[in-house]
Amino acid sequence: MLEGLRQRRKTVGLKQTMKAVEADRVQVIYVAKDAEERLVSQIMDACTEKGIKVYEADSMKQLGKACGIDVGTAVAAIIKDD
């Protein structure tokens, strides 16, 4: 499930991903299970409203690694192809 993140156009991090969700540019979103609920609840609600599929990653560290970064991240998303 996370394998495609490294090769695809994506956003990494809460702020960038929320902007992309609001602009209807997101295909799917990934949220780390160990991310703080208060941080990700707003983006989860926005995805539900817009019908965006949400996948869970086991941890922030695993999600960051799948994105090709050296730190963990709570949220990442694959951007729609133009």
PDB file of N, CA and C in Angstrom:
ATOM      1  N   MET A   1       0.808  -1.192   0.000  1.00  0.00           N
ATOM      2  CA  MET A   1       0.000   0.000   0.000  1.00  0.00           C
ATOM      3  C   MET A   1       0.858   1.266   0.000  1.00  0.00           C
ATOM      4  N   LEU A   2       1.898   1.307   0.803  1.00  0.00           N
ATOM      5  CA  LEU A   2       2.756   2.494   0.883  1.00  0.00           C
ATOM      6  C   LEU A   2       3.840   2.523  -0.185  1.00  0.00           C
ATOM      7  N   GLU A   3       3.995   1.415  -0.917  1.00  0.00           N
ATOM      8  CA  GLU A   3       5.105   1.298  -1.861  1.00  0.00           C
ATOM      9  C   GLU A   3       5.098   2.397  -2.933  1.00  0.00           C
ATOM     10  N   GLY A   4       3.936   2.799  -3.380  1.00  0.00           N
ATOM     11  CA  GLY A   4       3.843   3.769  -4.462  1.00  0.00           C
ATOM     12  C   GLY A   4       4.137   5.205  -4.075  1.00  0.00           C
ATOM     13  N   LEU A   5       4.240   5.482  -2.795  1.00  0.00           N
ATOM     14  CA  LEU A   5       4.436   6.867  -2.355  1.00  0.00           C
ATOM     15  C   LEU A   5       5.736   7.484  -2.846  1.00  0.00           C
ATOM     16  N   ARG A   6       6.785   6.720  -2.870  1.00  0.00           N
ATOM     17  CA  ARG A   6       8.092   7.283  -3.217  1.00  0.00           C
ATOM     18  C   ARG A   6       8.140   7.761  -4.671  1.00  0.00           C
ATOM     19  N   GLN A   7       7.486   7.026  -5.574  1.00  0.00           N
ATOM     20  CA  GLN A   7       7.560   7.341  -6.998  1.00  0.00           C
ATOM     21  C   GLN A   7       6.490   8.329  -7.468  1.00  0.00           C
ATOM     22  N   ARG A   8       5.445   8.528  -6.698  1.00  0.00           N
ATOM     23  CA  ARG A   8       4.330   9.362  -7.132  1.00  0.00           C
ATOM     24  C   ARG A   8       4.485  10.799  -6.662  1.00  0.00           C
ATOM     25  N   ARG A   9       3.757  11.710  -7.324  1.00  0.00           N
ATOM     26  CA  ARG A   9       3.690  13.089  -6.831  1.00  0.00           C
ATOM     27  C   ARG A   9       2.881  13.071  -5.543  1.00  0.00           C
ATOM     28  N   LYS A  10       3.393  13.742  -4.528  1.00  0.00           N
ATOM     29  CA  LYS A  10       2.762  13.650  -3.214  1.00  0.00           C
ATOM     30  C   LYS A  10       2.943  14.934  -2.423  1.00  0.00           C
ATOM     31  N   THR A  11       2.171  14.999  -1.352  1.00  0.00           N
ATOM     32  CA  THR A  11       2.412  16.010  -0.327  1.00  0.00           C
ATOM     33  C   THR A  11       2.804  15.259   0.930  1.00  0.00           C
ATOM     34  N   VAL A  12       3.634  15.885   1.728  1.00  0.00           N
ATOM     35  CA  VAL A  12       4.063  15.281   2.986  1.00  0.00           C
ATOM     36  C   VAL A  12       3.891  16.334   4.073  1.00  0.00           C
ATOM     37  N   GLY A  13       3.224  15.949   5.140  1.00  0.00           N
ATOM     38  CA  GLY A  13       3.010  16.877   6.242  1.00  0.00           C
ATOM     39  C   GLY A  13       1.585  17.397   6.266  1.00  0.00           C
ATOM     40  N   LEU A  14       1.176  17.820   7.430  1.00  0.00           N
ATOM     41  CA  LEU A  14      -0.202  18.214   7.664  1.00  0.00           C
ATOM     42  C   LEU A  14      -0.612  19.455   6.876  1.00  0.00           C
ATOM     43  N   LYS A  15       0.193  20.503   6.927  1.00  0.00           N
ATOM     44  CA  LYS A  15      -0.193  21.766   6.272  1.00  0.00           C
ATOM     45  C   LYS A  15      -0.278  21.615   4.760  1.00  0.00           C
ATOM     46  N   GLN A  16       0.750  21.043   4.148  1.00  0.00           N
ATOM     47  CA  GLN A  16       0.759  20.870   2.686  1.00  0.00           C
ATOM     48  C   GLN A  16      -0.385  19.982   2.233  1.00  0.00           C
ATOM     49  N   THR A  17      -0.628  18.915   2.972  1.00  0.00           N
ATOM     50  CA  THR A  17      -1.671  17.975   2.591  1.00  0.00           C
ATOM     51  C   THR A  17      -3.051  18.597   2.757  1.00  0.00           C
ATOM     52  N   MET A  18      -3.259  19.364   3.813  1.00  0.00           N
ATOM     53  CA  MET A  18      -4.556  20.023   4.011  1.00  0.00           C
ATOM     54  C   MET A  18      -4.833  21.010   2.886  1.00  0.00           C
ATOM     55  N   LYS A  19      -3.825  21.758   2.468  1.00  0.00           N
ATOM     56  CA  LYS A  19      -3.996  22.693   1.345  1.00  0.00           C
ATOM     57  C   LYS A  19      -4.390  21.950   0.073  1.00  0.00           C
ATOM     58  N   ALA A  20      -3.765  20.814  -0.165  1.00  0.00           N
ATOM     59  CA  ALA A  20      -4.068  20.021  -1.356  1.00  0.00           C
ATOM     60  C   ALA A  20      -5.479  19.434  -1.283  1.00  0.00           C
ATOM     61  N   VAL A  21      -5.911  19.002  -0.098  1.00  0.00           N
ATOM     62  CA  VAL A  21      -7.276  18.482   0.080  1.00  0.00           C
ATOM     63  C   VAL A  21      -8.283  19.589  -0.207  1.00  0.00           C
ATOM     64  N   GLU A  22      -8.048  20.753   0.333  1.00  0.00           N
ATOM     65  CA  GLU A  22      -8.959  21.887   0.129  1.00  0.00           C
ATOM     66  C   GLU A  22      -9.038  22.298  -1.334  1.00  0.00           C
ATOM     67  N   ALA A  23      -7.954  22.087  -2.078  1.00  0.00           N
ATOM     68  CA  ALA A  23      -7.915  22.450  -3.498  1.00  0.00           C
ATOM     69  C   ALA A  23      -8.373  21.302  -4.400  1.00  0.00           C
ATOM     70  N   ASP A  24      -8.876  20.214  -3.818  1.00  0.00           N
ATOM     71  CA  ASP A  24      -9.347  19.042  -4.578  1.00  0.00           C
ATOM     72  C   ASP A  24      -8.268  18.451  -5.484  1.00  0.00           C
ATOM     73  N   ARG A  25      -7.042  18.402  -4.969  1.00  0.00           N
ATOM     74  CA  ARG A  25      -5.928  17.853  -5.743  1.00  0.00           C
ATOM     75  C   ARG A  25      -5.482  16.480  -5.263  1.00  0.00           C
ATOM     76  N   VAL A  26      -6.139  15.938  -4.225  1.00  0.00           N
ATOM     77  CA  VAL A  26      -5.691  14.697  -3.591  1.00  0.00           C
ATOM     78  C   VAL A  26      -6.458  13.493  -4.121  1.00  0.00           C
ATOM     79  N   GLN A  27      -5.705  12.454  -4.436  1.00  0.00           N
ATOM     80  CA  GLN A  27      -6.296  11.189  -4.874  1.00  0.00           C
ATOM     81  C   GLN A  27      -6.585  10.293  -3.666  1.00  0.00           C
ATOM     82  N   VAL A  28      -5.568  10.026  -2.859  1.00  0.00           N
ATOM     83  CA  VAL A  28      -5.718   9.261  -1.619  1.00  0.00           C
ATOM     84  C   VAL A  28      -4.828   9.882  -0.552  1.00  0.00           C
ATOM     85  N   ILE A  29      -5.164   9.595   0.697  1.00  0.00           N
ATOM     86  CA  ILE A  29      -4.387  10.141   1.812  1.00  0.00           C
ATOM     87  C   ILE A  29      -3.949   9.006   2.728  1.00  0.00           C
ATOM     88  N   TYR A  30      -2.802   9.185   3.353  1.00  0.00           N
ATOM     89  CA  TYR A  30      -2.263   8.218   4.307  1.00  0.00           C
ATOM     90  C   TYR A  30      -2.084   8.925   5.648  1.00  0.00           C
ATOM     91  N   VAL A  31      -2.572   8.303   6.708  1.00  0.00           N
ATOM     92  CA  VAL A  31      -2.471   8.863   8.056  1.00  0.00           C
ATOM     93  C   VAL A  31      -1.807   7.828   8.953  1.00  0.00           C
ATOM     94  N   ALA A  32      -0.838   8.267   9.729  1.00  0.00           N
ATOM     95  CA  ALA A  32      -0.148   7.358  10.652  1.00  0.00           C
ATOM     96  C   ALA A  32      -1.036   7.061  11.854  1.00  0.00           C
ATOM     97  N   LYS A  33      -1.088   5.796  12.250  1.00  0.00           N
ATOM     98  CA  LYS A  33      -1.912   5.376  13.396  1.00  0.00           C
ATOM     99  C   LYS A  33      -1.457   6.033  14.694  1.00  0.00           C
ATOM    100  N   ASP A  34      -0.154   6.327  14.802  1.00  0.00           N
ATOM    101  CA  ASP A  34       0.353   6.909  16.045  1.00  0.00           C
ATOM    102  C   ASP A  34       0.374   8.436  16.036  1.00  0.00           C
ATOM    103  N   ALA A  35      -0.221   9.048  15.018  1.00  0.00           N
ATOM    104  CA  ALA A  35      -0.322  10.511  14.978  1.00  0.00           C
ATOM    105  C   ALA A  35      -1.360  10.962  16.002  1.00  0.00           C
ATOM    106  N   GLU A  36      -1.159  12.136  16.570  1.00  0.00           N
ATOM    107  CA  GLU A  36      -2.093  12.655  17.564  1.00  0.00           C
ATOM    108  C   GLU A  36      -3.441  12.938  16.919  1.00  0.00           C
ATOM    109  N   GLU A  37      -4.487  12.426  17.525  1.00  0.00           N
ATOM    110  CA  GLU A  37      -5.847  12.566  17.001  1.00  0.00           C
ATOM    111  C   GLU A  37      -6.226  14.036  16.787  1.00  0.00           C
ATOM    112  N   ARG A  38      -5.857  14.892  17.722  1.00  0.00           N
ATOM    113  CA  ARG A  38      -6.231  16.301  17.614  1.00  0.00           C
ATOM    114  C   ARG A  38      -5.573  16.970  16.408  1.00  0.00           C
ATOM    115  N   LEU A  39      -4.445  16.441  15.954  1.00  0.00           N
ATOM    116  CA  LEU A  39      -3.769  17.015  14.798  1.00  0.00           C
ATOM    117  C   LEU A  39      -4.387  16.567  13.471  1.00  0.00           C
ATOM    118  N   VAL A  40      -4.798  15.321  13.407  1.00  0.00           N
ATOM    119  CA  VAL A  40      -5.272  14.776  12.130  1.00  0.00           C
ATOM    120  C   VAL A  40      -6.791  14.759  11.980  1.00  0.00           C
ATOM    121  N   SER A  41      -7.524  15.083  13.030  1.00  0.00           N
ATOM    122  CA  SER A  41      -8.988  14.989  12.958  1.00  0.00           C
ATOM    123  C   SER A  41      -9.567  15.937  11.908  1.00  0.00           C
ATOM    124  N   GLN A  42      -9.027  17.144  11.787  1.00  0.00           N
ATOM    125  CA  GLN A  42      -9.549  18.109  10.819  1.00  0.00           C
ATOM    126  C   GLN A  42      -9.361  17.614   9.386  1.00  0.00           C
ATOM    127  N   ILE A  43      -8.204  17.079   9.086  1.00  0.00           N
ATOM    128  CA  ILE A  43      -7.950  16.595   7.729  1.00  0.00           C
ATOM    129  C   ILE A  43      -8.770  15.333   7.443  1.00  0.00           C
ATOM    130  N   MET A  44      -8.972  14.501   8.448  1.00  0.00           N
ATOM    131  CA  MET A  44      -9.808  13.308   8.275  1.00  0.00           C
ATOM    132  C   MET A  44     -11.249  13.715   7.957  1.00  0.00           C
ATOM    133  N   ASP A  45     -11.756  14.718   8.663  1.00  0.00           N
ATOM    134  CA  ASP A  45     -13.115  15.209   8.413  1.00  0.00           C
ATOM    135  C   ASP A  45     -13.240  15.764   7.001  1.00  0.00           C
ATOM    136  N   ALA A  46     -12.240  16.523   6.561  1.00  0.00           N
ATOM    137  CA  ALA A  46     -12.259  17.094   5.213  1.00  0.00           C
ATOM    138  C   ALA A  46     -12.253  15.993   4.151  1.00  0.00           C
ATOM    139  N   CYS A  47     -11.490  14.940   4.388  1.00  0.00           N
ATOM    140  CA  CYS A  47     -11.442  13.820   3.444  1.00  0.00           C
ATOM    141  C   CYS A  47     -12.778  13.094   3.381  1.00  0.00           C
ATOM    142  N   THR A  48     -13.429  12.937   4.521  1.00  0.00           N
ATOM    143  CA  THR A  48     -14.743  12.298   4.558  1.00  0.00           C
ATOM    144  C   THR A  48     -15.748  13.120   3.752  1.00  0.00           C
ATOM    145  N   GLU A  49     -15.738  14.427   3.943  1.00  0.00           N
ATOM    146  CA  GLU A  49     -16.644  15.319   3.220  1.00  0.00           C
ATOM    147  C   GLU A  49     -16.434  15.257   1.708  1.00  0.00           C
ATOM    148  N   LYS A  50     -15.176  15.150   1.286  1.00  0.00           N
ATOM    149  CA  LYS A  50     -14.856  15.173  -0.139  1.00  0.00           C
ATOM    150  C   LYS A  50     -14.800  13.778  -0.764  1.00  0.00           C
ATOM    151  N   GLY A  51     -15.003  12.746   0.051  1.00  0.00           N
ATOM    152  CA  GLY A  51     -14.991  11.386  -0.466  1.00  0.00           C
ATOM    153  C   GLY A  51     -13.612  10.873  -0.841  1.00  0.00           C
ATOM    154  N   ILE A  52     -12.590  11.356  -0.156  1.00  0.00           N
ATOM    155  CA  ILE A  52     -11.211  10.936  -0.410  1.00  0.00           C
ATOM    156  C   ILE A  52     -10.911   9.696   0.432  1.00  0.00           C
ATOM    157  N   LYS A  53     -10.380   8.662  -0.203  1.00  0.00           N
ATOM    158  CA  LYS A  53     -10.039   7.411   0.477  1.00  0.00           C
ATOM    159  C   LYS A  53      -8.871   7.655   1.429  1.00  0.00           C
ATOM    160  N   VAL A  54      -9.006   7.168   2.669  1.00  0.00           N
ATOM    161  CA  VAL A  54      -7.976   7.328   3.695  1.00  0.00           C
ATOM    162  C   VAL A  54      -7.414   5.959   4.051  1.00  0.00           C
ATOM    163  N   TYR A  55      -6.092   5.822   3.994  1.00  0.00           N
ATOM    164  CA  TYR A  55      -5.403   4.603   4.395  1.00  0.00           C
ATOM    165  C   TYR A  55      -4.608   4.894   5.653  1.00  0.00           C
ATOM    166  N   GLU A  56      -4.418   3.873   6.483  1.00  0.00           N
ATOM    167  CA  GLU A  56      -3.629   4.033   7.691  1.00  0.00           C
ATOM    168  C   GLU A  56      -2.260   3.391   7.522  1.00  0.00           C
ATOM    169  N   ALA A  57      -1.244   4.097   7.980  1.00  0.00           N
ATOM    170  CA  ALA A  57       0.113   3.556   8.059  1.00  0.00           C
ATOM    171  C   ALA A  57       0.346   3.159   9.511  1.00  0.00           C
ATOM    172  N   ASP A  58       1.182   2.173   9.743  1.00  0.00           N
ATOM    173  CA  ASP A  58       1.415   1.687  11.105  1.00  0.00           C
ATOM    174  C   ASP A  58       2.026   2.745  12.018  1.00  0.00           C
ATOM    175  N   SER A  59       2.905   3.576  11.461  1.00  0.00           N
ATOM    176  CA  SER A  59       3.558   4.573  12.304  1.00  0.00           C
ATOM    177  C   SER A  59       4.001   5.775  11.471  1.00  0.00           C
ATOM    178  N   MET A  60       4.284   6.860  12.172  1.00  0.00           N
ATOM    179  CA  MET A  60       4.786   8.066  11.513  1.00  0.00           C
ATOM    180  C   MET A  60       6.143   7.780  10.871  1.00  0.00           C
ATOM    181  N   LYS A  61       6.959   7.012  11.548  1.00  0.00           N
ATOM    182  CA  LYS A  61       8.282   6.668  11.034  1.00  0.00           C
ATOM    183  C   LYS A  61       8.160   5.881   9.726  1.00  0.00           C
ATOM    184  N   GLN A  62       7.264   4.887   9.698  1.00  0.00           N
ATOM    185  CA  GLN A  62       7.059   4.085   8.489  1.00  0.00           C
ATOM    186  C   GLN A  62       6.541   4.953   7.335  1.00  0.00           C
ATOM    187  N   LEU A  63       5.616   5.861   7.618  1.00  0.00           N
ATOM    188  CA  LEU A  63       5.065   6.724   6.584  1.00  0.00           C
ATOM    189  C   LEU A  63       6.131   7.672   6.037  1.00  0.00           C
ATOM    190  N   GLY A  64       6.944   8.234   6.905  1.00  0.00           N
ATOM    191  CA  GLY A  64       8.036   9.099   6.454  1.00  0.00           C
ATOM    192  C   GLY A  64       9.022   8.347   5.577  1.00  0.00           C
ATOM    193  N   LYS A  65       9.367   7.147   5.986  1.00  0.00           N
ATOM    194  CA  LYS A  65      10.294   6.320   5.197  1.00  0.00           C
ATOM    195  C   LYS A  65       9.708   6.003   3.822  1.00  0.00           C
ATOM    196  N   ALA A  66       8.411   5.689   3.773  1.00  0.00           N
ATOM    197  CA  ALA A  66       7.750   5.390   2.498  1.00  0.00           C
ATOM    198  C   ALA A  66       7.741   6.602   1.570  1.00  0.00           C
ATOM    199  N   CYS A  67       7.767   7.799   2.163  1.00  0.00           N
ATOM    200  CA  CYS A  67       7.795   9.040   1.375  1.00  0.00           C
ATOM    201  C   CYS A  67       9.210   9.431   0.957  1.00  0.00           C
ATOM    202  N   GLY A  68      10.195   8.725   1.480  1.00  0.00           N
ATOM    203  CA  GLY A  68      11.580   9.017   1.132  1.00  0.00           C
ATOM    204  C   GLY A  68      12.204  10.111   1.966  1.00  0.00           C
ATOM    205  N   ILE A  69      11.681  10.330   3.173  1.00  0.00           N
ATOM    206  CA  ILE A  69      12.270  11.328   4.065  1.00  0.00           C
ATOM    207  C   ILE A  69      12.807  10.635   5.310  1.00  0.00           C
ATOM    208  N   ASP A  70      13.723  11.306   5.996  1.00  0.00           N
ATOM    209  CA  ASP A  70      14.402  10.701   7.144  1.00  0.00           C
ATOM    210  C   ASP A  70      13.678  10.897   8.474  1.00  0.00           C
ATOM    211  N   VAL A  71      12.566  11.602   8.463  1.00  0.00           N
ATOM    212  CA  VAL A  71      11.806  11.841   9.687  1.00  0.00           C
ATOM    213  C   VAL A  71      10.389  11.302   9.510  1.00  0.00           C
ATOM    214  N   GLY A  72       9.699  11.125  10.607  1.00  0.00           N
ATOM    215  CA  GLY A  72       8.324  10.658  10.531  1.00  0.00           C
ATOM    216  C   GLY A  72       7.384  11.757  10.096  1.00  0.00           C
ATOM    217  N   THR A  73       6.225  11.363   9.597  1.00  0.00           N
ATOM    218  CA  THR A  73       5.186  12.316   9.240  1.00  0.00           C
ATOM    219  C   THR A  73       3.826  11.746   9.608  1.00  0.00           C
ATOM    220  N   ALA A  74       2.936  12.613  10.030  1.00  0.00           N
ATOM    221  CA  ALA A  74       1.604  12.173  10.428  1.00  0.00           C
ATOM    222  C   ALA A  74       0.717  11.906   9.224  1.00  0.00           C
ATOM    223  N   VAL A  75       0.932  12.685   8.153  1.00  0.00           N
ATOM    224  CA  VAL A  75       0.040  12.642   6.997  1.00  0.00           C
ATOM    225  C   VAL A  75       0.833  12.781   5.707  1.00  0.00           C
ATOM    226  N   ALA A  76       0.391  12.050   4.684  1.00  0.00           N
ATOM    227  CA  ALA A  76       0.916  12.208   3.331  1.00  0.00           C
ATOM    228  C   ALA A  76      -0.223  11.912   2.364  1.00  0.00           C
ATOM    229  N   ALA A  77      -0.106  12.425   1.147  1.00  0.00           N
ATOM    230  CA  ALA A  77      -1.159  12.179   0.162  1.00  0.00           C
ATOM    231  C   ALA A  77      -0.573  12.066  -1.228  1.00  0.00           C
ATOM    232  N   ILE A  78      -1.229  11.281  -2.063  1.00  0.00           N
ATOM    233  CA  ILE A  78      -0.869  11.199  -3.474  1.00  0.00           C
ATOM    234  C   ILE A  78      -1.718  12.216  -4.222  1.00  0.00           C
ATOM    235  N   ILE A  79      -1.042  13.014  -5.042  1.00  0.00           N
ATOM    236  CA  ILE A  79      -1.690  14.064  -5.812  1.00  0.00           C
ATOM    237  C   ILE A  79      -2.278  13.491  -7.084  1.00  0.00           C
ATOM    238  N   LYS A  80      -3.453  13.986  -7.463  1.00  0.00           N
ATOM    239  CA  LYS A  80      -4.097  13.551  -8.702  1.00  0.00           C
ATOM    240  C   LYS A  80      -3.213  13.896  -9.902  1.00  0.00           C
ATOM    241  N   ASP A  81      -3.235  13.010 -10.916  1.00  0.00           N
ATOM    242  CA  ASP A  81      -2.536  13.309 -12.153  1.00  0.00           C
ATOM    243  C   ASP A  81      -3.317  14.372 -12.916  1.00  0.00           C
ATOM    244  N   ASP A  82      -2.591  15.303 -13.507  1.00  0.00           N
ATOM    245  CA  ASP A  82      -3.247  16.386 -14.258  1.00  0.00           C
ATOM    246  C   ASP A  82      -3.803  15.911 -15.569  1.00  0.00           C
TER     247      ASP A  82
END
